[in-house]
Each structure stands twice: as structure tokens, then as C-alpha cells.
Amino acid sequence: MALVALGMVLTPGPNMIYLISRSIGQGWRAGMVSLGGTMVGFVVYMTMANVGLSAVFLLVPGLFVGLKVVGAAYLLHLAWKTLRPGGRSPFETVTLPKDSRSKLFRMGLVTNLLNPKAAIMYLALIPQFVDPARGAAMAQGFVLGGVQITVSAVVNTAIVLAAGGIAAFLAGRPAWMVWQRRVTGTLLGAVGVKLALDAPAPANA
């Protein structure tokens, strides 16, 4: 579970892009406040999944398929925005308004609640690691969710703290910035295509 969570958090997505932009534009403290919001978003997903939201997707498979289609389209949109001529890298410095801590927290929360990667993690991936022979499925779900949240918090904290230094490093090396943008866009596109190919598959019990 920890390895799966690590792979997911290291794949560029809405959370990473938002945290990097805030850390670069407003400092690491703003990045950490935003990260707090994203972590609460994970807790919300974990709670909903474990109290029965996943059962709704099992009863109405079309909703789950629809979620994956929307998620795939969103990731492909992010990939195009990154790879198109004139696209931007998440590490490029931009001028952002100085938002309050409460707004930073709310934006982090909303970004994660609308993040298709988070939905897929809790509604499709984590349930695969639940073993009914090992006890209560709900308790296992919360433990596995706790592992995912811990991994995400550690990795994203490192990203927040390192974002400014990485941006400064890349700013002095334009060729590196181009390749970083290409790699980011390609990864986003690959995840989007994979999600689109898997979309017809219903949720597993």
C-alpha cells in the first residue's frame, strides 16, 4: 500500500501543481497551510469510502465509470496545457495574489476533493488491499488510508520545502525547464490515457 501511495503522490497532478505554485509564489509557509487542506481532503475521502460511498459505485457502476472518464479528461487537459506551445512548467515562477491562510487551506481542500487521483485511490485502489480474512474491512480501510495519508504528507512536505530551490535552479537553466515541462506533461498524459483505457471497468467488490 505504501509503494502504491508513493507512486501516486510522485505522479504530477492537481495537488502537486497547486502546492508548488503556492510555495513558489507565497513561500513555504503558505505551501504548508495549503498542504493541510489537501490532507483534510484525503481524510474526507477516506471516511466517505469506508462508510459506504464505495458501495454506491458498486450498485451504480455508471457513476464510477463516469468519475474515471471525467478524471481522465481532466488529466489529459492538464497534460495538453503543459505540453502545448507556450505551456508552463509548475516550477516556473509566476506572480500570485497573497491569499489568507484560511483561503489557502480552503483552496487546498477543494483542489484535493476535485482531484480524480484521490477519488481513484480511495474508491478503486485501496479496497484491493482489504483482506476480509484479517478482520473488519472498515478498520483495515482506515489503517490503509492512514498509510496513504502519511506517505502523501511526507512527500508533499518535501516538495513544498524544496519548491523554491528547484524553481531557482531551473530558472537559470532554460533547457532543463523545457525538459522538466515535457516530462511532467508526458506523465500526466500517460496517467490520463491509462485511466481512460480502464474507464469501462466497473468498481470491484
N, C-alpha and C. Protein backbone atom coordinates (compact mmCIF):
# COMPACT_ATOMS: atom_id res chain seq x y z
N MET A 1 0.82 -1.20 0.00
CA MET A 1 0.00 0.00 0.00
C MET A 1 0.86 1.26 0.00
N ALA A 2 1.93 1.21 0.79
CA ALA A 2 2.83 2.36 0.87
C ALA A 2 3.50 2.62 -0.48
N LEU A 3 3.88 1.56 -1.19
CA LEU A 3 4.51 1.73 -2.50
C LEU A 3 3.54 2.30 -3.52
N VAL A 4 2.30 1.83 -3.48
CA VAL A 4 1.28 2.37 -4.39
C VAL A 4 1.05 3.84 -4.09
N ALA A 5 0.94 4.17 -2.80
CA ALA A 5 0.73 5.57 -2.41
C ALA A 5 1.89 6.44 -2.85
N LEU A 6 3.12 5.91 -2.73
CA LEU A 6 4.30 6.67 -3.15
C LEU A 6 4.26 6.92 -4.66
N GLY A 7 3.91 5.91 -5.43
CA GLY A 7 3.83 6.08 -6.86
C GLY A 7 2.79 7.11 -7.26
N MET A 8 1.65 7.11 -6.56
CA MET A 8 0.59 8.07 -6.87
C MET A 8 1.01 9.49 -6.54
N VAL A 9 1.63 9.70 -5.38
CA VAL A 9 1.98 11.06 -4.96
C VAL A 9 3.11 11.63 -5.80
N LEU A 10 3.96 10.76 -6.35
CA LEU A 10 5.07 11.24 -7.17
C LEU A 10 4.66 11.52 -8.61
N THR A 11 3.46 11.08 -9.01
CA THR A 11 2.95 11.38 -10.34
C THR A 11 2.34 12.77 -10.33
N PRO A 12 2.82 13.69 -11.16
CA PRO A 12 2.30 15.06 -11.13
C PRO A 12 0.80 15.10 -11.33
N GLY A 13 0.14 15.91 -10.54
CA GLY A 13 -1.30 16.05 -10.63
C GLY A 13 -1.73 17.38 -10.03
N PRO A 14 -3.05 17.59 -9.88
CA PRO A 14 -3.55 18.87 -9.36
C PRO A 14 -2.97 19.27 -8.01
N ASN A 15 -2.86 18.32 -7.08
CA ASN A 15 -2.32 18.66 -5.75
C ASN A 15 -0.89 19.17 -5.85
N MET A 16 -0.04 18.43 -6.56
CA MET A 16 1.36 18.81 -6.67
C MET A 16 1.50 20.18 -7.33
N ILE A 17 0.77 20.40 -8.42
CA ILE A 17 0.86 21.67 -9.14
C ILE A 17 0.42 22.81 -8.25
N TYR A 18 -0.67 22.62 -7.49
CA TYR A 18 -1.17 23.68 -6.61
C TYR A 18 -0.17 23.97 -5.49
N LEU A 19 0.35 22.94 -4.85
CA LEU A 19 1.28 23.13 -3.75
C LEU A 19 2.56 23.81 -4.21
N ILE A 20 3.07 23.40 -5.38
CA ILE A 20 4.29 24.02 -5.91
C ILE A 20 4.05 25.49 -6.22
N SER A 21 2.93 25.79 -6.87
CA SER A 21 2.65 27.18 -7.24
C SER A 21 2.53 28.06 -6.01
N ARG A 22 1.89 27.57 -4.96
CA ARG A 22 1.73 28.37 -3.74
C ARG A 22 3.06 28.51 -3.01
N SER A 23 3.84 27.47 -2.99
CA SER A 23 5.13 27.52 -2.29
C SER A 23 6.08 28.49 -2.96
N ILE A 24 6.05 28.50 -4.30
CA ILE A 24 6.92 29.41 -5.04
C ILE A 24 6.41 30.84 -4.96
N GLY A 25 5.10 31.01 -5.12
CA GLY A 25 4.53 32.35 -5.18
C GLY A 25 4.37 33.04 -3.85
N GLN A 26 4.19 32.26 -2.77
CA GLN A 26 3.89 32.89 -1.48
C GLN A 26 4.74 32.35 -0.34
N GLY A 27 5.67 31.45 -0.62
CA GLY A 27 6.56 30.95 0.41
C GLY A 27 6.15 29.60 0.96
N TRP A 28 7.10 28.95 1.64
CA TRP A 28 6.86 27.59 2.11
C TRP A 28 5.78 27.51 3.18
N ARG A 29 5.61 28.57 3.96
CA ARG A 29 4.56 28.55 4.98
C ARG A 29 3.18 28.47 4.33
N ALA A 30 2.98 29.22 3.25
CA ALA A 30 1.72 29.14 2.52
C ALA A 30 1.53 27.75 1.93
N GLY A 31 2.63 27.17 1.45
CA GLY A 31 2.56 25.81 0.93
C GLY A 31 2.13 24.81 1.99
N MET A 32 2.63 24.98 3.21
CA MET A 32 2.28 24.06 4.28
C MET A 32 0.81 24.21 4.71
N VAL A 33 0.32 25.46 4.72
CA VAL A 33 -1.10 25.67 5.03
C VAL A 33 -1.97 25.01 3.96
N SER A 34 -1.57 25.19 2.70
CA SER A 34 -2.30 24.55 1.59
C SER A 34 -2.26 23.03 1.72
N LEU A 35 -1.11 22.52 2.13
CA LEU A 35 -0.96 21.07 2.31
C LEU A 35 -1.91 20.57 3.39
N GLY A 36 -2.10 21.37 4.45
CA GLY A 36 -3.05 20.98 5.48
C GLY A 36 -4.44 20.77 4.91
N GLY A 37 -4.84 21.65 4.00
CA GLY A 37 -6.16 21.50 3.36
C GLY A 37 -6.25 20.23 2.53
N THR A 38 -5.17 19.92 1.79
CA THR A 38 -5.21 18.72 0.96
C THR A 38 -5.26 17.47 1.83
N MET A 39 -4.59 17.49 2.99
CA MET A 39 -4.63 16.32 3.87
C MET A 39 -6.03 16.11 4.45
N VAL A 40 -6.72 17.20 4.77
CA VAL A 40 -8.10 17.07 5.24
C VAL A 40 -8.97 16.48 4.13
N GLY A 41 -8.68 16.87 2.89
CA GLY A 41 -9.41 16.29 1.77
C GLY A 41 -9.25 14.78 1.70
N PHE A 42 -8.04 14.29 1.96
CA PHE A 42 -7.82 12.84 2.00
C PHE A 42 -8.63 12.19 3.11
N VAL A 43 -8.69 12.85 4.27
CA VAL A 43 -9.46 12.30 5.39
C VAL A 43 -10.94 12.21 5.01
N VAL A 44 -11.44 13.22 4.31
CA VAL A 44 -12.84 13.20 3.86
C VAL A 44 -13.08 12.03 2.93
N TYR A 45 -12.20 11.84 1.96
CA TYR A 45 -12.34 10.71 1.02
C TYR A 45 -12.27 9.39 1.78
N MET A 46 -11.31 9.27 2.69
CA MET A 46 -11.15 8.03 3.44
C MET A 46 -12.41 7.70 4.23
N THR A 47 -12.98 8.72 4.86
CA THR A 47 -14.18 8.50 5.67
C THR A 47 -15.36 8.10 4.80
N MET A 48 -15.56 8.83 3.70
CA MET A 48 -16.69 8.51 2.82
C MET A 48 -16.56 7.11 2.24
N ALA A 49 -15.34 6.77 1.82
CA ALA A 49 -15.14 5.45 1.22
C ALA A 49 -15.43 4.34 2.21
N ASN A 50 -15.04 4.55 3.46
CA ASN A 50 -15.19 3.49 4.46
C ASN A 50 -16.57 3.40 5.07
N VAL A 51 -17.39 4.44 4.91
CA VAL A 51 -18.75 4.36 5.45
C VAL A 51 -19.77 4.04 4.38
N GLY A 52 -19.30 3.73 3.18
CA GLY A 52 -20.25 3.19 2.21
C GLY A 52 -20.32 3.84 0.85
N LEU A 53 -19.50 4.91 0.59
CA LEU A 53 -19.59 5.51 -0.73
C LEU A 53 -19.18 4.52 -1.81
N SER A 54 -18.19 3.66 -1.50
CA SER A 54 -17.77 2.68 -2.49
C SER A 54 -18.91 1.73 -2.85
N ALA A 55 -19.81 1.46 -1.87
CA ALA A 55 -20.95 0.59 -2.14
C ALA A 55 -21.88 1.21 -3.17
N VAL A 56 -21.99 2.55 -3.15
CA VAL A 56 -22.84 3.23 -4.13
C VAL A 56 -22.31 2.99 -5.54
N PHE A 57 -20.99 3.03 -5.70
CA PHE A 57 -20.40 2.82 -7.01
C PHE A 57 -20.56 1.36 -7.45
N LEU A 58 -20.61 0.44 -6.49
CA LEU A 58 -20.85 -0.96 -6.85
C LEU A 58 -22.28 -1.16 -7.31
N LEU A 59 -23.23 -0.44 -6.69
CA LEU A 59 -24.63 -0.56 -7.05
C LEU A 59 -24.94 0.19 -8.34
N VAL A 60 -24.24 1.29 -8.58
CA VAL A 60 -24.46 2.10 -9.79
C VAL A 60 -23.13 2.21 -10.53
N PRO A 61 -22.74 1.19 -11.27
CA PRO A 61 -21.42 1.17 -11.92
C PRO A 61 -21.20 2.36 -12.85
N GLY A 62 -22.28 2.88 -13.44
CA GLY A 62 -22.13 4.00 -14.35
C GLY A 62 -21.52 5.23 -13.69
N LEU A 63 -21.80 5.43 -12.41
CA LEU A 63 -21.24 6.58 -11.70
C LEU A 63 -19.73 6.45 -11.59
N PHE A 64 -19.27 5.25 -11.29
CA PHE A 64 -17.82 5.02 -11.15
C PHE A 64 -17.12 5.19 -12.49
N VAL A 65 -17.73 4.64 -13.54
CA VAL A 65 -17.15 4.79 -14.88
C VAL A 65 -17.11 6.27 -15.27
N GLY A 66 -18.20 6.99 -14.95
CA GLY A 66 -18.25 8.41 -15.25
C GLY A 66 -17.17 9.19 -14.53
N LEU A 67 -16.92 8.84 -13.26
CA LEU A 67 -15.87 9.50 -12.49
C LEU A 67 -14.51 9.31 -13.16
N LYS A 68 -14.24 8.09 -13.62
CA LYS A 68 -12.95 7.82 -14.25
C LYS A 68 -12.83 8.56 -15.59
N VAL A 69 -13.92 8.66 -16.33
CA VAL A 69 -13.88 9.38 -17.60
C VAL A 69 -13.58 10.86 -17.36
N VAL A 70 -14.26 11.44 -16.38
CA VAL A 70 -14.02 12.85 -16.05
C VAL A 70 -12.58 13.04 -15.58
N GLY A 71 -12.11 12.12 -14.74
CA GLY A 71 -10.74 12.21 -14.25
C GLY A 71 -9.72 12.10 -15.37
N ALA A 72 -9.96 11.19 -16.30
CA ALA A 72 -9.05 11.02 -17.43
C ALA A 72 -9.03 12.28 -18.29
N ALA A 73 -10.21 12.85 -18.55
CA ALA A 73 -10.29 14.07 -19.36
C ALA A 73 -9.55 15.22 -18.68
N TYR A 74 -9.68 15.31 -17.36
CA TYR A 74 -9.02 16.39 -16.63
C TYR A 74 -7.50 16.25 -16.70
N LEU A 75 -7.00 15.04 -16.52
CA LEU A 75 -5.55 14.82 -16.57
C LEU A 75 -5.01 15.08 -17.98
N LEU A 76 -5.75 14.67 -19.00
CA LEU A 76 -5.32 14.94 -20.37
C LEU A 76 -5.33 16.44 -20.67
N HIS A 77 -6.28 17.14 -20.09
CA HIS A 77 -6.32 18.60 -20.24
C HIS A 77 -5.08 19.24 -19.61
N LEU A 78 -4.71 18.77 -18.40
CA LEU A 78 -3.51 19.29 -17.75
C LEU A 78 -2.26 18.97 -18.58
N ALA A 79 -2.24 17.77 -19.17
CA ALA A 79 -1.09 17.39 -19.99
C ALA A 79 -0.98 18.31 -21.20
N TRP A 80 -2.10 18.59 -21.85
CA TRP A 80 -2.07 19.47 -23.02
C TRP A 80 -1.63 20.88 -22.63
N LYS A 81 -2.13 21.39 -21.50
CA LYS A 81 -1.74 22.73 -21.07
C LYS A 81 -0.24 22.81 -20.81
N THR A 82 0.35 21.70 -20.39
CA THR A 82 1.78 21.68 -20.10
C THR A 82 2.62 21.51 -21.36
N LEU A 83 2.16 20.67 -22.29
CA LEU A 83 2.96 20.33 -23.46
C LEU A 83 2.74 21.26 -24.65
N ARG A 84 1.65 21.96 -24.71
CA ARG A 84 1.36 22.80 -25.87
C ARG A 84 2.39 23.92 -25.99
N PRO A 85 2.55 24.45 -27.20
CA PRO A 85 3.46 25.59 -27.37
C PRO A 85 3.07 26.74 -26.44
N GLY A 86 4.03 27.22 -25.68
CA GLY A 86 3.74 28.27 -24.71
C GLY A 86 3.26 27.75 -23.38
N GLY A 87 3.21 26.41 -23.22
CA GLY A 87 2.79 25.84 -21.95
C GLY A 87 3.77 26.17 -20.85
N ARG A 88 3.33 25.99 -19.60
CA ARG A 88 4.16 26.37 -18.46
C ARG A 88 4.49 25.15 -17.60
N SER A 89 5.66 25.18 -17.02
CA SER A 89 6.05 24.19 -16.03
C SER A 89 5.52 24.62 -14.66
N PRO A 90 5.15 23.67 -13.79
CA PRO A 90 4.70 24.07 -12.46
C PRO A 90 5.80 24.74 -11.65
N PHE A 91 7.06 24.60 -12.08
CA PHE A 91 8.16 25.22 -11.35
C PHE A 91 8.52 26.61 -11.89
N GLU A 92 7.80 27.08 -12.93
CA GLU A 92 8.06 28.44 -13.41
C GLU A 92 7.47 29.44 -12.43
N THR A 93 8.24 30.46 -12.11
CA THR A 93 7.77 31.46 -11.15
C THR A 93 6.71 32.35 -11.80
N VAL A 94 5.63 32.57 -11.08
CA VAL A 94 4.55 33.44 -11.53
C VAL A 94 4.11 34.31 -10.37
N THR A 95 3.50 35.44 -10.69
CA THR A 95 3.00 36.34 -9.65
C THR A 95 1.60 35.91 -9.26
N LEU A 96 1.42 35.56 -7.99
CA LEU A 96 0.12 35.14 -7.48
C LEU A 96 -0.33 36.09 -6.39
N PRO A 97 -1.63 36.28 -6.22
CA PRO A 97 -2.11 37.12 -5.12
C PRO A 97 -1.76 36.49 -3.78
N LYS A 98 -1.54 37.35 -2.79
CA LYS A 98 -1.23 36.87 -1.45
C LYS A 98 -2.53 36.52 -0.73
N ASP A 99 -2.86 35.26 -0.74
CA ASP A 99 -4.11 34.82 -0.12
C ASP A 99 -3.93 34.61 1.37
N SER A 100 -5.03 34.73 2.11
CA SER A 100 -5.02 34.49 3.55
C SER A 100 -4.83 33.02 3.84
N ARG A 101 -4.46 32.69 5.08
CA ARG A 101 -4.27 31.29 5.43
C ARG A 101 -5.56 30.50 5.30
N SER A 102 -6.68 31.12 5.67
CA SER A 102 -7.95 30.40 5.57
C SER A 102 -8.28 30.08 4.12
N LYS A 103 -7.99 31.02 3.21
CA LYS A 103 -8.26 30.77 1.79
C LYS A 103 -7.30 29.72 1.24
N LEU A 104 -6.03 29.78 1.65
CA LEU A 104 -5.07 28.77 1.21
C LEU A 104 -5.52 27.38 1.63
N PHE A 105 -6.00 27.27 2.88
CA PHE A 105 -6.46 25.98 3.40
C PHE A 105 -7.67 25.50 2.60
N ARG A 106 -8.63 26.41 2.38
CA ARG A 106 -9.84 26.03 1.62
C ARG A 106 -9.50 25.60 0.21
N MET A 107 -8.60 26.35 -0.43
CA MET A 107 -8.23 26.00 -1.81
C MET A 107 -7.52 24.65 -1.87
N GLY A 108 -6.67 24.36 -0.87
CA GLY A 108 -6.03 23.06 -0.82
C GLY A 108 -7.04 21.94 -0.65
N LEU A 109 -8.05 22.20 0.20
CA LEU A 109 -9.10 21.21 0.44
C LEU A 109 -9.90 20.96 -0.82
N VAL A 110 -10.35 22.04 -1.47
CA VAL A 110 -11.18 21.90 -2.68
C VAL A 110 -10.39 21.25 -3.81
N THR A 111 -9.12 21.65 -3.95
CA THR A 111 -8.29 21.06 -5.01
C THR A 111 -8.21 19.55 -4.85
N ASN A 112 -8.08 19.07 -3.62
CA ASN A 112 -7.97 17.63 -3.41
C ASN A 112 -9.33 16.94 -3.56
N LEU A 113 -10.40 17.58 -3.10
CA LEU A 113 -11.71 16.96 -3.25
C LEU A 113 -12.10 16.82 -4.71
N LEU A 114 -11.57 17.69 -5.57
CA LEU A 114 -11.86 17.60 -7.01
C LEU A 114 -10.76 16.86 -7.77
N ASN A 115 -9.82 16.29 -7.04
CA ASN A 115 -8.68 15.60 -7.64
C ASN A 115 -9.07 14.16 -7.99
N PRO A 116 -9.11 13.82 -9.28
CA PRO A 116 -9.50 12.45 -9.66
C PRO A 116 -8.55 11.39 -9.11
N LYS A 117 -7.28 11.74 -8.92
CA LYS A 117 -6.33 10.77 -8.37
C LYS A 117 -6.74 10.34 -6.97
N ALA A 118 -7.23 11.30 -6.15
CA ALA A 118 -7.65 10.97 -4.79
C ALA A 118 -8.87 10.06 -4.81
N ALA A 119 -9.81 10.37 -5.70
CA ALA A 119 -11.01 9.54 -5.80
C ALA A 119 -10.67 8.12 -6.21
N ILE A 120 -9.81 7.99 -7.22
CA ILE A 120 -9.42 6.66 -7.69
C ILE A 120 -8.69 5.90 -6.58
N MET A 121 -7.83 6.59 -5.85
CA MET A 121 -7.08 5.94 -4.77
C MET A 121 -8.01 5.28 -3.76
N TYR A 122 -9.03 6.03 -3.31
CA TYR A 122 -9.88 5.52 -2.23
C TYR A 122 -11.03 4.65 -2.71
N LEU A 123 -11.44 4.84 -3.94
CA LEU A 123 -12.60 4.08 -4.41
C LEU A 123 -12.22 2.87 -5.24
N ALA A 124 -10.99 2.81 -5.72
CA ALA A 124 -10.60 1.70 -6.58
C ALA A 124 -9.35 0.97 -6.10
N LEU A 125 -8.34 1.69 -5.63
CA LEU A 125 -7.07 1.05 -5.31
C LEU A 125 -7.03 0.49 -3.89
N ILE A 126 -7.34 1.32 -2.91
CA ILE A 126 -7.24 0.87 -1.51
C ILE A 126 -8.11 -0.35 -1.24
N PRO A 127 -9.35 -0.42 -1.75
CA PRO A 127 -10.16 -1.62 -1.49
C PRO A 127 -9.51 -2.92 -1.93
N GLN A 128 -8.60 -2.86 -2.92
CA GLN A 128 -7.94 -4.07 -3.39
C GLN A 128 -7.01 -4.67 -2.32
N PHE A 129 -6.61 -3.85 -1.33
CA PHE A 129 -5.70 -4.32 -0.30
C PHE A 129 -6.42 -4.80 0.96
N VAL A 130 -7.74 -4.68 0.98
CA VAL A 130 -8.52 -5.13 2.14
C VAL A 130 -8.72 -6.64 2.05
N ASP A 131 -8.36 -7.34 3.11
CA ASP A 131 -8.49 -8.80 3.17
C ASP A 131 -9.51 -9.16 4.24
N PRO A 132 -10.73 -9.61 3.85
CA PRO A 132 -11.77 -9.93 4.83
C PRO A 132 -11.32 -10.95 5.86
N ALA A 133 -10.36 -11.80 5.50
CA ALA A 133 -9.89 -12.82 6.44
C ALA A 133 -9.09 -12.22 7.59
N ARG A 134 -8.68 -10.96 7.47
CA ARG A 134 -7.86 -10.33 8.51
C ARG A 134 -8.66 -9.44 9.45
N GLY A 135 -9.98 -9.52 9.38
CA GLY A 135 -10.77 -8.73 10.32
C GLY A 135 -11.68 -7.74 9.62
N ALA A 136 -12.17 -6.77 10.40
CA ALA A 136 -13.15 -5.80 9.92
C ALA A 136 -12.61 -5.01 8.73
N ALA A 137 -13.39 -5.02 7.66
CA ALA A 137 -12.96 -4.32 6.45
C ALA A 137 -12.85 -2.82 6.68
N MET A 138 -13.76 -2.25 7.46
CA MET A 138 -13.73 -0.81 7.70
C MET A 138 -12.46 -0.40 8.45
N ALA A 139 -12.09 -1.18 9.46
CA ALA A 139 -10.87 -0.88 10.22
C ALA A 139 -9.65 -0.96 9.32
N GLN A 140 -9.60 -1.98 8.45
CA GLN A 140 -8.49 -2.09 7.52
C GLN A 140 -8.46 -0.90 6.57
N GLY A 141 -9.63 -0.46 6.14
CA GLY A 141 -9.71 0.67 5.24
C GLY A 141 -9.13 1.93 5.86
N PHE A 142 -9.42 2.15 7.14
CA PHE A 142 -8.89 3.33 7.82
C PHE A 142 -7.38 3.21 8.02
N VAL A 143 -6.91 2.02 8.33
CA VAL A 143 -5.46 1.82 8.50
C VAL A 143 -4.74 2.06 7.18
N LEU A 144 -5.25 1.47 6.10
CA LEU A 144 -4.63 1.65 4.79
C LEU A 144 -4.70 3.11 4.35
N GLY A 145 -5.82 3.75 4.63
CA GLY A 145 -5.95 5.16 4.31
C GLY A 145 -4.95 6.00 5.10
N GLY A 146 -4.73 5.61 6.36
CA GLY A 146 -3.75 6.31 7.18
C GLY A 146 -2.35 6.18 6.61
N VAL A 147 -2.03 5.01 6.06
CA VAL A 147 -0.73 4.81 5.41
C VAL A 147 -0.60 5.75 4.22
N GLN A 148 -1.65 5.80 3.40
CA GLN A 148 -1.61 6.67 2.22
C GLN A 148 -1.45 8.13 2.61
N ILE A 149 -2.17 8.58 3.61
CA ILE A 149 -2.09 9.97 4.04
C ILE A 149 -0.71 10.29 4.59
N THR A 150 -0.13 9.37 5.34
CA THR A 150 1.21 9.58 5.89
C THR A 150 2.25 9.73 4.78
N VAL A 151 2.20 8.81 3.80
CA VAL A 151 3.14 8.87 2.68
C VAL A 151 2.97 10.18 1.93
N SER A 152 1.73 10.56 1.66
CA SER A 152 1.46 11.78 0.92
C SER A 152 1.94 13.01 1.68
N ALA A 153 1.73 13.03 3.00
CA ALA A 153 2.15 14.18 3.81
C ALA A 153 3.66 14.34 3.80
N VAL A 154 4.38 13.22 3.93
CA VAL A 154 5.85 13.29 3.96
C VAL A 154 6.40 13.77 2.62
N VAL A 155 5.92 13.17 1.53
CA VAL A 155 6.43 13.53 0.20
C VAL A 155 6.07 14.96 -0.16
N ASN A 156 4.83 15.35 0.09
CA ASN A 156 4.41 16.70 -0.26
C ASN A 156 5.07 17.76 0.61
N THR A 157 5.37 17.43 1.86
CA THR A 157 6.13 18.37 2.69
C THR A 157 7.50 18.62 2.08
N ALA A 158 8.16 17.55 1.63
CA ALA A 158 9.46 17.71 0.98
C ALA A 158 9.34 18.55 -0.29
N ILE A 159 8.25 18.34 -1.05
CA ILE A 159 8.04 19.12 -2.28
C ILE A 159 7.85 20.59 -1.95
N VAL A 160 7.04 20.88 -0.93
CA VAL A 160 6.79 22.27 -0.53
C VAL A 160 8.09 22.95 -0.12
N LEU A 161 8.88 22.27 0.69
CA LEU A 161 10.12 22.87 1.19
C LEU A 161 11.16 23.03 0.10
N ALA A 162 11.11 22.15 -0.91
CA ALA A 162 12.13 22.19 -1.96
C ALA A 162 11.70 23.00 -3.17
N ALA A 163 10.43 23.38 -3.26
CA ALA A 163 9.91 24.01 -4.48
C ALA A 163 10.66 25.27 -4.85
N GLY A 164 10.91 26.13 -3.87
CA GLY A 164 11.61 27.38 -4.16
C GLY A 164 13.00 27.15 -4.71
N GLY A 165 13.75 26.22 -4.11
CA GLY A 165 15.10 25.92 -4.58
C GLY A 165 15.10 25.31 -5.97
N ILE A 166 14.14 24.42 -6.24
CA ILE A 166 14.06 23.80 -7.56
C ILE A 166 13.72 24.85 -8.61
N ALA A 167 12.79 25.75 -8.28
CA ALA A 167 12.42 26.80 -9.22
C ALA A 167 13.61 27.69 -9.55
N ALA A 168 14.38 28.06 -8.52
CA ALA A 168 15.55 28.91 -8.74
C ALA A 168 16.60 28.18 -9.59
N PHE A 169 16.77 26.87 -9.34
CA PHE A 169 17.72 26.07 -10.10
C PHE A 169 17.34 26.01 -11.57
N LEU A 170 16.07 25.74 -11.83
CA LEU A 170 15.60 25.60 -13.21
C LEU A 170 15.56 26.95 -13.93
N ALA A 171 15.31 28.03 -13.18
CA ALA A 171 15.22 29.35 -13.80
C ALA A 171 16.53 29.73 -14.49
N GLY A 172 17.65 29.27 -13.94
CA GLY A 172 18.94 29.58 -14.54
C GLY A 172 19.36 28.59 -15.60
N ARG A 173 18.50 27.62 -15.88
CA ARG A 173 18.82 26.59 -16.87
C ARG A 173 17.59 26.37 -17.76
N PRO A 174 17.35 27.24 -18.74
CA PRO A 174 16.15 27.18 -19.57
C PRO A 174 15.94 25.82 -20.24
N ALA A 175 17.03 25.18 -20.69
CA ALA A 175 16.88 23.89 -21.35
C ALA A 175 16.33 22.84 -20.39
N TRP A 176 16.79 22.88 -19.13
CA TRP A 176 16.28 21.95 -18.13
C TRP A 176 14.80 22.20 -17.88
N MET A 177 14.37 23.47 -17.87
CA MET A 177 12.97 23.81 -17.65
C MET A 177 12.10 23.19 -18.74
N VAL A 178 12.58 23.26 -19.99
CA VAL A 178 11.83 22.68 -21.11
C VAL A 178 11.65 21.18 -20.92
N TRP A 179 12.73 20.49 -20.57
CA TRP A 179 12.63 19.04 -20.39
C TRP A 179 11.79 18.67 -19.18
N GLN A 180 11.86 19.48 -18.11
CA GLN A 180 11.02 19.23 -16.94
C GLN A 180 9.55 19.34 -17.32
N ARG A 181 9.23 20.36 -18.14
CA ARG A 181 7.85 20.54 -18.59
C ARG A 181 7.40 19.37 -19.46
N ARG A 182 8.28 18.91 -20.33
CA ARG A 182 7.94 17.79 -21.20
C ARG A 182 7.70 16.51 -20.40
N VAL A 183 8.56 16.25 -19.43
CA VAL A 183 8.41 15.04 -18.60
C VAL A 183 7.11 15.11 -17.81
N THR A 184 6.83 16.28 -17.21
CA THR A 184 5.60 16.44 -16.43
C THR A 184 4.37 16.22 -17.30
N GLY A 185 4.35 16.86 -18.48
CA GLY A 185 3.21 16.71 -19.37
C GLY A 185 3.03 15.28 -19.85
N THR A 186 4.14 14.61 -20.15
CA THR A 186 4.07 13.22 -20.61
C THR A 186 3.52 12.31 -19.53
N LEU A 187 3.96 12.51 -18.29
CA LEU A 187 3.45 11.69 -17.19
C LEU A 187 1.96 11.91 -16.97
N LEU A 188 1.54 13.17 -17.01
CA LEU A 188 0.12 13.47 -16.86
C LEU A 188 -0.68 12.80 -17.98
N GLY A 189 -0.16 12.90 -19.21
CA GLY A 189 -0.86 12.27 -20.34
C GLY A 189 -0.93 10.77 -20.22
N ALA A 190 0.17 10.16 -19.76
CA ALA A 190 0.20 8.70 -19.62
C ALA A 190 -0.82 8.23 -18.60
N VAL A 191 -0.91 8.94 -17.47
CA VAL A 191 -1.90 8.57 -16.45
C VAL A 191 -3.30 8.77 -16.99
N GLY A 192 -3.51 9.88 -17.74
CA GLY A 192 -4.83 10.13 -18.31
C GLY A 192 -5.25 9.06 -19.29
N VAL A 193 -4.34 8.63 -20.16
CA VAL A 193 -4.64 7.58 -21.13
C VAL A 193 -4.93 6.26 -20.42
N LYS A 194 -4.11 5.93 -19.42
CA LYS A 194 -4.33 4.69 -18.65
C LYS A 194 -5.70 4.70 -18.00
N LEU A 195 -6.08 5.85 -17.42
CA LEU A 195 -7.37 5.96 -16.76
C LEU A 195 -8.50 5.84 -17.78
N ALA A 196 -8.31 6.42 -18.95
CA ALA A 196 -9.33 6.34 -19.99
C ALA A 196 -9.51 4.90 -20.47
N LEU A 197 -8.40 4.17 -20.64
CA LEU A 197 -8.48 2.77 -21.07
C LEU A 197 -9.16 1.90 -20.02
N ASP A 198 -8.95 2.24 -18.75
CA ASP A 198 -9.53 1.45 -17.67
C ASP A 198 -10.95 1.87 -17.33
N ALA A 199 -11.43 2.99 -17.90
CA ALA A 199 -12.72 3.56 -17.51
C ALA A 199 -13.90 2.59 -17.64
N PRO A 200 -13.96 1.76 -18.69
CA PRO A 200 -15.13 0.87 -18.80
C PRO A 200 -15.25 -0.17 -17.69
N ALA A 201 -14.15 -0.44 -16.98
CA ALA A 201 -14.18 -1.46 -15.93
C ALA A 201 -14.96 -0.95 -14.73
N PRO A 202 -15.94 -1.71 -14.22
CA PRO A 202 -16.71 -1.27 -13.05
C PRO A 202 -15.90 -1.42 -11.78
N ALA A 203 -16.39 -0.83 -10.70
CA ALA A 203 -15.73 -0.99 -9.40
C ALA A 203 -15.80 -2.43 -8.97
N ASN A 204 -14.74 -2.91 -8.31
CA ASN A 204 -14.71 -4.27 -7.81
C ASN A 204 -15.25 -4.34 -6.40
N ALA A 205 -15.87 -5.45 -6.08
CA ALA A 205 -16.40 -5.62 -4.73
C ALA A 205 -15.28 -5.81 -3.74
